[in-house]
Amino acid sequence: MRVTPRAGRNALTEEDGQLRAQVTAVPEDGRANRAVQALLAEALGVARTRLSLIRGATSRDKLFRLD
């Protein structure tokens, strides 16, 4: 998934077969990562704690695992 922090709104979109997340949170102290995790959990209808960030803690490209 490709993440855009500091966006104007929180949204999930699909572009060219890749999931994209736009979050209003800033990329400091993991705030944007937590915002993406919450947004993705809400879209999937699962608890936020069931999603784990596997790769991309400091990158725009992230990989989450659903437990």
Protein backbone atom coordinates (compact mmCIF):
# COMPACT_ATOMS: atom_id res chain seq x y z
CA MET A 1 0.00 0.00 0.00
CA ARG A 2 1.22 3.50 -0.81
CA VAL A 3 0.67 6.15 1.88
CA THR A 4 0.36 9.92 1.51
CA PRO A 5 0.64 11.72 4.86
CA ARG A 6 -0.55 15.30 5.45
CA ALA A 7 -3.40 14.84 2.96
CA GLY A 8 -6.51 16.99 2.98
CA ARG A 9 -8.68 14.06 4.06
CA ASN A 10 -8.49 10.43 5.14
CA ALA A 11 -9.31 8.08 2.28
CA LEU A 12 -8.52 4.71 0.74
CA THR A 13 -8.37 4.44 -3.03
CA GLU A 14 -7.21 1.94 -5.63
CA GLU A 15 -5.01 3.10 -8.46
CA ASP A 16 -3.35 0.87 -11.06
CA GLY A 17 -4.00 -2.21 -8.93
CA GLN A 18 -2.33 -0.71 -5.86
CA LEU A 19 -4.12 0.35 -2.68
CA ARG A 20 -3.43 3.95 -1.69
CA ALA A 21 -4.09 5.55 1.68
CA GLN A 22 -4.29 9.28 2.28
CA VAL A 23 -4.18 10.41 5.90
CA THR A 24 -4.20 13.83 7.51
CA ALA A 25 -1.68 12.79 10.17
CA VAL A 26 1.92 13.95 10.01
CA PRO A 27 4.70 11.36 9.59
CA GLU A 28 6.22 11.93 13.04
CA ASP A 29 6.51 9.42 15.88
CA GLY A 30 4.45 6.85 13.98
CA ARG A 31 1.31 9.02 13.85
CA ALA A 32 0.73 8.46 10.13
CA ASN A 33 1.28 4.70 10.52
CA ARG A 34 -1.32 4.53 13.28
CA ALA A 35 -3.75 6.59 11.20
CA VAL A 36 -3.31 4.26 8.22
CA GLN A 37 -3.78 1.24 10.47
CA ALA A 38 -7.03 2.67 11.86
CA LEU A 39 -8.29 3.64 8.39
CA LEU A 40 -7.54 0.21 6.95
CA ALA A 41 -9.10 -1.59 9.94
CA GLU A 42 -12.27 0.46 9.58
CA ALA A 43 -12.48 -0.29 5.85
CA LEU A 44 -11.99 -4.03 6.46
CA GLY A 45 -14.36 -4.10 9.41
CA VAL A 46 -11.82 -5.58 11.81
CA ALA A 47 -10.22 -4.44 15.05
CA ARG A 48 -7.18 -2.24 14.63
CA THR A 49 -5.15 -4.63 16.77
CA ARG A 50 -5.61 -7.40 14.18
CA LEU A 51 -3.44 -5.43 11.70
CA SER A 52 0.33 -5.54 12.04
CA LEU A 53 2.77 -3.36 10.14
CA ILE A 54 5.23 -5.83 8.61
CA ARG A 55 7.35 -3.56 6.43
CA GLY A 56 7.65 0.16 5.74
CA ALA A 57 7.63 1.89 9.11
CA THR A 58 9.61 4.82 7.67
CA SER A 59 8.65 4.40 4.02
CA ARG A 60 5.65 5.50 1.96
CA ASP A 61 5.19 1.89 0.80
CA LYS A 62 3.81 -0.27 3.60
CA LEU A 63 2.84 -3.89 4.10
CA PHE A 64 0.24 -4.84 6.71
CA ARG A 65 -0.69 -8.34 7.85
CA LEU A 66 -4.18 -9.24 9.01
CA ASP A 67 -4.05 -11.65 11.96
